[in-house]
Amino acid sequence: SEQAYFLRIADKEKKLLSQIDHALAKFERGTFGICEGTGEQIGLKRLILRPWTRYSFEYKEQLEREKKGGRR
């Protein structure tokens, strides 16, 4: 069970590194801070808390609602 725990942690870290790489690529392209769902600016507070985010807070909430709606 300890090995499974460490594998889960490693998987989460791998996903986070992938998200960070994606954000860095957006920075190089000049699209950092732009929501990939709406094309609008992502709020500064959200970027400070989660600089690798791909979506604005509002758009991410919408995605979560749609995801929950599909589970029913």
PDB file of N, CA and C in Angstrom:
ATOM      1  N   SER A   1       0.830  -1.194   0.000  1.00  0.00           N
ATOM      2  CA  SER A   1       0.000   0.000   0.000  1.00  0.00           C
ATOM      3  C   SER A   1       0.874   1.258   0.000  1.00  0.00           C
ATOM      4  N   GLU A   2       2.038   1.185   0.604  1.00  0.00           N
ATOM      5  CA  GLU A   2       2.945   2.335   0.606  1.00  0.00           C
ATOM      6  C   GLU A   2       3.419   2.637  -0.811  1.00  0.00           C
ATOM      7  N   GLN A   3       3.705   1.593  -1.574  1.00  0.00           N
ATOM      8  CA  GLN A   3       4.148   1.777  -2.951  1.00  0.00           C
ATOM      9  C   GLN A   3       3.030   2.418  -3.787  1.00  0.00           C
ATOM     10  N   ALA A   4       1.806   1.989  -3.591  1.00  0.00           N
ATOM     11  CA  ALA A   4       0.676   2.569  -4.314  1.00  0.00           C
ATOM     12  C   ALA A   4       0.523   4.052  -3.966  1.00  0.00           C
ATOM     13  N   TYR A   5       0.736   4.390  -2.709  1.00  0.00           N
ATOM     14  CA  TYR A   5       0.675   5.783  -2.267  1.00  0.00           C
ATOM     15  C   TYR A   5       1.711   6.625  -3.008  1.00  0.00           C
ATOM     16  N   PHE A   6       2.940   6.151  -3.069  1.00  0.00           N
ATOM     17  CA  PHE A   6       4.002   6.891  -3.742  1.00  0.00           C
ATOM     18  C   PHE A   6       3.772   6.971  -5.250  1.00  0.00           C
ATOM     19  N   LEU A   7       3.176   5.954  -5.820  1.00  0.00           N
ATOM     20  CA  LEU A   7       2.856   5.991  -7.249  1.00  0.00           C
ATOM     21  C   LEU A   7       1.781   7.043  -7.537  1.00  0.00           C
ATOM     22  N   ARG A   8       0.802   7.167  -6.651  1.00  0.00           N
ATOM     23  CA  ARG A   8      -0.226   8.195  -6.815  1.00  0.00           C
ATOM     24  C   ARG A   8       0.386   9.592  -6.728  1.00  0.00           C
ATOM     25  N   ILE A   9       1.276   9.776  -5.774  1.00  0.00           N
ATOM     26  CA  ILE A   9       1.946  11.077  -5.626  1.00  0.00           C
ATOM     27  C   ILE A   9       2.764  11.386  -6.877  1.00  0.00           C
ATOM     28  N   ALA A  10       3.513  10.405  -7.358  1.00  0.00           N
ATOM     29  CA  ALA A  10       4.325  10.604  -8.554  1.00  0.00           C
ATOM     30  C   ALA A  10       3.448  10.952  -9.755  1.00  0.00           C
ATOM     31  N   ASP A  11       2.298  10.307  -9.867  1.00  0.00           N
ATOM     32  CA  ASP A  11       1.389  10.587 -10.974  1.00  0.00           C
ATOM     33  C   ASP A  11       0.859  12.016 -10.897  1.00  0.00           C
ATOM     34  N   LYS A  12       0.499  12.457  -9.692  1.00  0.00           N
ATOM     35  CA  LYS A  12       0.007  13.827  -9.513  1.00  0.00           C
ATOM     36  C   LYS A  12       1.092  14.843  -9.860  1.00  0.00           C
ATOM     37  N   GLU A  13       2.322  14.564  -9.442  1.00  0.00           N
ATOM     38  CA  GLU A  13       3.425  15.475  -9.734  1.00  0.00           C
ATOM     39  C   GLU A  13       3.707  15.519 -11.236  1.00  0.00           C
ATOM     40  N   LYS A  14       3.607  14.387 -11.895  1.00  0.00           N
ATOM     41  CA  LYS A  14       3.818  14.334 -13.343  1.00  0.00           C
ATOM     42  C   LYS A  14       2.769  15.178 -14.062  1.00  0.00           C
ATOM     43  N   LYS A  15       1.512  15.085 -13.633  1.00  0.00           N
ATOM     44  CA  LYS A  15       0.432  15.879 -14.237  1.00  0.00           C
ATOM     45  C   LYS A  15       0.668  17.371 -13.992  1.00  0.00           C
ATOM     46  N   LEU A  16       1.089  17.731 -12.787  1.00  0.00           N
ATOM     47  CA  LEU A  16       1.348  19.132 -12.476  1.00  0.00           C
ATOM     48  C   LEU A  16       2.489  19.671 -13.332  1.00  0.00           C
ATOM     49  N   LEU A  17       3.548  18.901 -13.488  1.00  0.00           N
ATOM     50  CA  LEU A  17       4.670  19.338 -14.323  1.00  0.00           C
ATOM     51  C   LEU A  17       4.227  19.539 -15.768  1.00  0.00           C
ATOM     52  N   SER A  18       3.345  18.684 -16.239  1.00  0.00           N
ATOM     53  CA  SER A  18       2.817  18.833 -17.592  1.00  0.00           C
ATOM     54  C   SER A  18       2.021  20.136 -17.714  1.00  0.00           C
ATOM     55  N   GLN A  19       1.229  20.448 -16.697  1.00  0.00           N
ATOM     56  CA  GLN A  19       0.458  21.692 -16.711  1.00  0.00           C
ATOM     57  C   GLN A  19       1.373  22.913 -16.672  1.00  0.00           C
ATOM     58  N   ILE A  20       2.441  22.828 -15.910  1.00  0.00           N
ATOM     59  CA  ILE A  20       3.408  23.932 -15.824  1.00  0.00           C
ATOM     60  C   ILE A  20       4.108  24.108 -17.168  1.00  0.00           C
ATOM     61  N   ASP A  21       4.507  23.017 -17.808  1.00  0.00           N
ATOM     62  CA  ASP A  21       5.128  23.091 -19.138  1.00  0.00           C
ATOM     63  C   ASP A  21       4.182  23.749 -20.138  1.00  0.00           C
ATOM     64  N   HIS A  22       2.909  23.397 -20.058  1.00  0.00           N
ATOM     65  CA  HIS A  22       1.904  23.988 -20.939  1.00  0.00           C
ATOM     66  C   HIS A  22       1.817  25.500 -20.714  1.00  0.00           C
ATOM     67  N   ALA A  23       1.815  25.917 -19.457  1.00  0.00           N
ATOM     68  CA  ALA A  23       1.747  27.342 -19.121  1.00  0.00           C
ATOM     69  C   ALA A  23       2.992  28.072 -19.619  1.00  0.00           C
ATOM     70  N   LEU A  24       4.151  27.457 -19.487  1.00  0.00           N
ATOM     71  CA  LEU A  24       5.383  28.084 -19.974  1.00  0.00           C
ATOM     72  C   LEU A  24       5.366  28.244 -21.489  1.00  0.00           C
ATOM     73  N   ALA A  25       4.824  27.251 -22.187  1.00  0.00           N
ATOM     74  CA  ALA A  25       4.712  27.344 -23.642  1.00  0.00           C
ATOM     75  C   ALA A  25       3.766  28.489 -24.026  1.00  0.00           C
ATOM     76  N   LYS A  26       2.676  28.649 -23.267  1.00  0.00           N
ATOM     77  CA  LYS A  26       1.751  29.751 -23.523  1.00  0.00           C
ATOM     78  C   LYS A  26       2.447  31.092 -23.275  1.00  0.00           C
ATOM     79  N   PHE A  27       3.293  31.131 -22.277  1.00  0.00           N
ATOM     80  CA  PHE A  27       4.035  32.361 -21.975  1.00  0.00           C
ATOM     81  C   PHE A  27       4.925  32.722 -23.168  1.00  0.00           C
ATOM     82  N   GLU A  28       5.603  31.723 -23.713  1.00  0.00           N
ATOM     83  CA  GLU A  28       6.486  31.957 -24.866  1.00  0.00           C
ATOM     84  C   GLU A  28       5.700  32.402 -26.101  1.00  0.00           C
ATOM     85  N   ARG A  29       4.466  31.906 -26.272  1.00  0.00           N
ATOM     86  CA  ARG A  29       3.629  32.266 -27.418  1.00  0.00           C
ATOM     87  C   ARG A  29       2.907  33.598 -27.214  1.00  0.00           C
ATOM     88  N   GLY A  30       2.957  34.105 -25.987  1.00  0.00           N
ATOM     89  CA  GLY A  30       2.270  35.355 -25.698  1.00  0.00           C
ATOM     90  C   GLY A  30       0.796  35.183 -25.383  1.00  0.00           C
ATOM     91  N   THR A  31       0.394  33.965 -25.039  1.00  0.00           N
ATOM     92  CA  THR A  31      -1.016  33.708 -24.723  1.00  0.00           C
ATOM     93  C   THR A  31      -1.216  33.366 -23.250  1.00  0.00           C
ATOM     94  N   PHE A  32      -0.190  33.530 -22.447  1.00  0.00           N
ATOM     95  CA  PHE A  32      -0.317  33.254 -21.011  1.00  0.00           C
ATOM     96  C   PHE A  32      -1.330  34.222 -20.404  1.00  0.00           C
ATOM     97  N   GLY A  33      -2.220  33.692 -19.564  1.00  0.00           N
ATOM     98  CA  GLY A  33      -3.215  34.519 -18.900  1.00  0.00           C
ATOM     99  C   GLY A  33      -4.507  34.646 -19.685  1.00  0.00           C
ATOM    100  N   ILE A  34      -4.591  33.944 -20.814  1.00  0.00           N
ATOM    101  CA  ILE A  34      -5.800  33.954 -21.627  1.00  0.00           C
ATOM    102  C   ILE A  34      -6.529  32.632 -21.419  1.00  0.00           C
ATOM    103  N   CYS A  35      -7.820  32.701 -21.108  1.00  0.00           N
ATOM    104  CA  CYS A  35      -8.626  31.508 -20.888  1.00  0.00           C
ATOM    105  C   CYS A  35      -8.746  30.722 -22.191  1.00  0.00           C
ATOM    106  N   GLU A  36      -8.458  29.439 -22.141  1.00  0.00           N
ATOM    107  CA  GLU A  36      -8.531  28.594 -23.327  1.00  0.00           C
ATOM    108  C   GLU A  36      -9.977  28.275 -23.716  1.00  0.00           C
ATOM    109  N   GLY A  37     -10.913  28.561 -22.843  1.00  0.00           N
ATOM    110  CA  GLY A  37     -12.312  28.292 -23.140  1.00  0.00           C
ATOM    111  C   GLY A  37     -13.053  29.486 -23.707  1.00  0.00           C
ATOM    112  N   THR A  38     -12.684  30.672 -23.242  1.00  0.00           N
ATOM    113  CA  THR A  38     -13.418  31.868 -23.655  1.00  0.00           C
ATOM    114  C   THR A  38     -12.577  32.854 -24.455  1.00  0.00           C
ATOM    115  N   GLY A  39     -11.258  32.748 -24.347  1.00  0.00           N
ATOM    116  CA  GLY A  39     -10.379  33.696 -25.029  1.00  0.00           C
ATOM    117  C   GLY A  39     -10.225  35.005 -24.283  1.00  0.00           C
ATOM    118  N   GLU A  40     -10.814  35.084 -23.092  1.00  0.00           N
ATOM    119  CA  GLU A  40     -10.733  36.302 -22.284  1.00  0.00           C
ATOM    120  C   GLU A  40      -9.607  36.197 -21.257  1.00  0.00           C
ATOM    121  N   GLN A  41      -9.247  37.341 -20.697  1.00  0.00           N
ATOM    122  CA  GLN A  41      -8.206  37.383 -19.676  1.00  0.00           C
ATOM    123  C   GLN A  41      -8.617  36.579 -18.444  1.00  0.00           C
ATOM    124  N   ILE A  42      -7.671  35.871 -17.862  1.00  0.00           N
ATOM    125  CA  ILE A  42      -7.872  35.187 -16.582  1.00  0.00           C
ATOM    126  C   ILE A  42      -7.546  36.203 -15.490  1.00  0.00           C
ATOM    127  N   GLY A  43      -8.339  36.224 -14.446  1.00  0.00           N
ATOM    128  CA  GLY A  43      -8.129  37.176 -13.357  1.00  0.00           C
ATOM    129  C   GLY A  43      -6.764  37.031 -12.697  1.00  0.00           C
ATOM    130  N   LEU A  44      -6.200  38.163 -12.303  1.00  0.00           N
ATOM    131  CA  LEU A  44      -4.872  38.187 -11.694  1.00  0.00           C
ATOM    132  C   LEU A  44      -4.808  37.336 -10.430  1.00  0.00           C
ATOM    133  N   LYS A  45      -5.842  37.410  -9.577  1.00  0.00           N
ATOM    134  CA  LYS A  45      -5.826  36.615  -8.344  1.00  0.00           C
ATOM    135  C   LYS A  45      -5.707  35.124  -8.658  1.00  0.00           C
ATOM    136  N   ARG A  46      -6.445  34.670  -9.685  1.00  0.00           N
ATOM    137  CA  ARG A  46      -6.395  33.254 -10.061  1.00  0.00           C
ATOM    138  C   ARG A  46      -5.001  32.897 -10.571  1.00  0.00           C
ATOM    139  N   LEU A  47      -4.409  33.763 -11.370  1.00  0.00           N
ATOM    140  CA  LEU A  47      -3.075  33.488 -11.894  1.00  0.00           C
ATOM    141  C   LEU A  47      -2.024  33.477 -10.790  1.00  0.00           C
ATOM    142  N   ILE A  48      -2.213  34.320  -9.798  1.00  0.00           N
ATOM    143  CA  ILE A  48      -1.264  34.335  -8.674  1.00  0.00           C
ATOM    144  C   ILE A  48      -1.366  33.026  -7.893  1.00  0.00           C
ATOM    145  N   LEU A  49      -2.601  32.569  -7.666  1.00  0.00           N
ATOM    146  CA  LEU A  49      -2.805  31.340  -6.900  1.00  0.00           C
ATOM    147  C   LEU A  49      -2.448  30.078  -7.697  1.00  0.00           C
ATOM    148  N   ARG A  50      -2.693  30.123  -9.015  1.00  0.00           N
ATOM    149  CA  ARG A  50      -2.504  28.950  -9.880  1.00  0.00           C
ATOM    150  C   ARG A  50      -1.964  29.394 -11.224  1.00  0.00           C
ATOM    151  N   PRO A  51      -0.684  29.722 -11.298  1.00  0.00           N
ATOM    152  CA  PRO A  51      -0.138  30.282 -12.538  1.00  0.00           C
ATOM    153  C   PRO A  51      -0.208  29.334 -13.739  1.00  0.00           C
ATOM    154  N   TRP A  52      -0.433  28.076 -13.510  1.00  0.00           N
ATOM    155  CA  TRP A  52      -0.506  27.110 -14.605  1.00  0.00           C
ATOM    156  C   TRP A  52      -1.941  26.898 -15.093  1.00  0.00           C
ATOM    157  N   THR A  53      -2.890  27.642 -14.549  1.00  0.00           N
ATOM    158  CA  THR A  53      -4.284  27.432 -14.908  1.00  0.00           C
ATOM    159  C   THR A  53      -4.528  27.704 -16.391  1.00  0.00           C
ATOM    160  N   ARG A  54      -5.461  26.972 -16.971  1.00  0.00           N
ATOM    161  CA  ARG A  54      -5.794  27.124 -18.384  1.00  0.00           C
ATOM    162  C   ARG A  54      -7.086  27.893 -18.585  1.00  0.00           C
ATOM    163  N   TYR A  55      -7.879  28.007 -17.506  1.00  0.00           N
ATOM    164  CA  TYR A  55      -9.217  28.580 -17.628  1.00  0.00           C
ATOM    165  C   TYR A  55      -9.473  29.650 -16.575  1.00  0.00           C
ATOM    166  N   SER A  56     -10.351  30.579 -16.916  1.00  0.00           N
ATOM    167  CA  SER A  56     -10.798  31.567 -15.937  1.00  0.00           C
ATOM    168  C   SER A  56     -11.622  30.831 -14.876  1.00  0.00           C
ATOM    169  N   PHE A  57     -11.814  31.479 -13.750  1.00  0.00           N
ATOM    170  CA  PHE A  57     -12.590  30.889 -12.659  1.00  0.00           C
ATOM    171  C   PHE A  57     -14.010  30.584 -13.121  1.00  0.00           C
ATOM    172  N   GLU A  58     -14.612  31.527 -13.825  1.00  0.00           N
ATOM    173  CA  GLU A  58     -15.990  31.360 -14.270  1.00  0.00           C
ATOM    174  C   GLU A  58     -16.125  30.188 -15.249  1.00  0.00           C
ATOM    175  N   TYR A  59     -15.190  30.099 -16.195  1.00  0.00           N
ATOM    176  CA  TYR A  59     -15.266  29.029 -17.185  1.00  0.00           C
ATOM    177  C   TYR A  59     -15.014  27.671 -16.529  1.00  0.00           C
ATOM    178  N   LYS A  60     -14.094  27.613 -15.587  1.00  0.00           N
ATOM    179  CA  LYS A  60     -13.811  26.361 -14.877  1.00  0.00           C
ATOM    180  C   LYS A  60     -15.042  25.920 -14.084  1.00  0.00           C
ATOM    181  N   GLU A  61     -15.742  26.859 -13.457  1.00  0.00           N
ATOM    182  CA  GLU A  61     -16.980  26.519 -12.751  1.00  0.00           C
ATOM    183  C   GLU A  61     -18.007  25.949 -13.714  1.00  0.00           C
ATOM    184  N   GLN A  62     -18.114  26.546 -14.896  1.00  0.00           N
ATOM    185  CA  GLN A  62     -19.048  26.058 -15.907  1.00  0.00           C
ATOM    186  C   GLN A  62     -18.701  24.625 -16.312  1.00  0.00           C
ATOM    187  N   LEU A  63     -17.419  24.347 -16.523  1.00  0.00           N
ATOM    188  CA  LEU A  63     -16.989  22.989 -16.879  1.00  0.00           C
ATOM    189  C   LEU A  63     -17.340  21.991 -15.781  1.00  0.00           C
ATOM    190  N   GLU A  64     -17.146  22.400 -14.530  1.00  0.00           N
ATOM    191  CA  GLU A  64     -17.455  21.525 -13.401  1.00  0.00           C
ATOM    192  C   GLU A  64     -18.954  21.240 -13.315  1.00  0.00           C
ATOM    193  N   ARG A  65     -19.768  22.267 -13.546  1.00  0.00           N
ATOM    194  CA  ARG A  65     -21.224  22.067 -13.534  1.00  0.00           C
ATOM    195  C   ARG A  65     -21.647  21.108 -14.637  1.00  0.00           C
ATOM    196  N   GLU A  66     -21.072  21.271 -15.828  1.00  0.00           N
ATOM    197  CA  GLU A  66     -21.402  20.389 -16.943  1.00  0.00           C
ATOM    198  C   GLU A  66     -20.955  18.958 -16.654  1.00  0.00           C
ATOM    199  N   LYS A  67     -19.803  18.824 -16.036  1.00  0.00           N
ATOM    200  CA  LYS A  67     -19.289  17.501 -15.684  1.00  0.00           C
ATOM    201  C   LYS A  67     -20.211  16.810 -14.679  1.00  0.00           C
ATOM    202  N   LYS A  68     -20.651  17.556 -13.669  1.00  0.00           N
ATOM    203  CA  LYS A  68     -21.571  17.001 -12.679  1.00  0.00           C
ATOM    204  C   LYS A  68     -22.912  16.668 -13.311  1.00  0.00           C
ATOM    205  N   GLY A  69     -23.369  17.490 -14.223  1.00  0.00           N
ATOM    206  CA  GLY A  69     -24.632  17.249 -14.895  1.00  0.00           C
ATOM    207  C   GLY A  69     -24.600  15.991 -15.743  1.00  0.00           C
ATOM    208  N   GLY A  70     -23.450  15.657 -16.295  1.00  0.00           N
ATOM    209  CA  GLY A  70     -23.304  14.463 -17.117  1.00  0.00           C
ATOM    210  C   GLY A  70     -23.253  13.193 -16.315  1.00  0.00           C
ATOM    211  N   ARG A  71     -22.988  13.271 -15.029  1.00  0.00           N
ATOM    212  CA  ARG A  71     -22.888  12.095 -14.158  1.00  0.00           C
ATOM    213  C   ARG A  71     -24.251  11.570 -13.748  1.00  0.00           C
ATOM    214  N   ARG A  72     -25.260  12.418 -13.850  1.00  0.00           N
ATOM    215  CA  ARG A  72     -26.592  12.030 -13.359  1.00  0.00           C
ATOM    216  C   ARG A  72     -27.228  10.999 -14.207  1.00  0.00           C
TER     217      ARG A  72
END
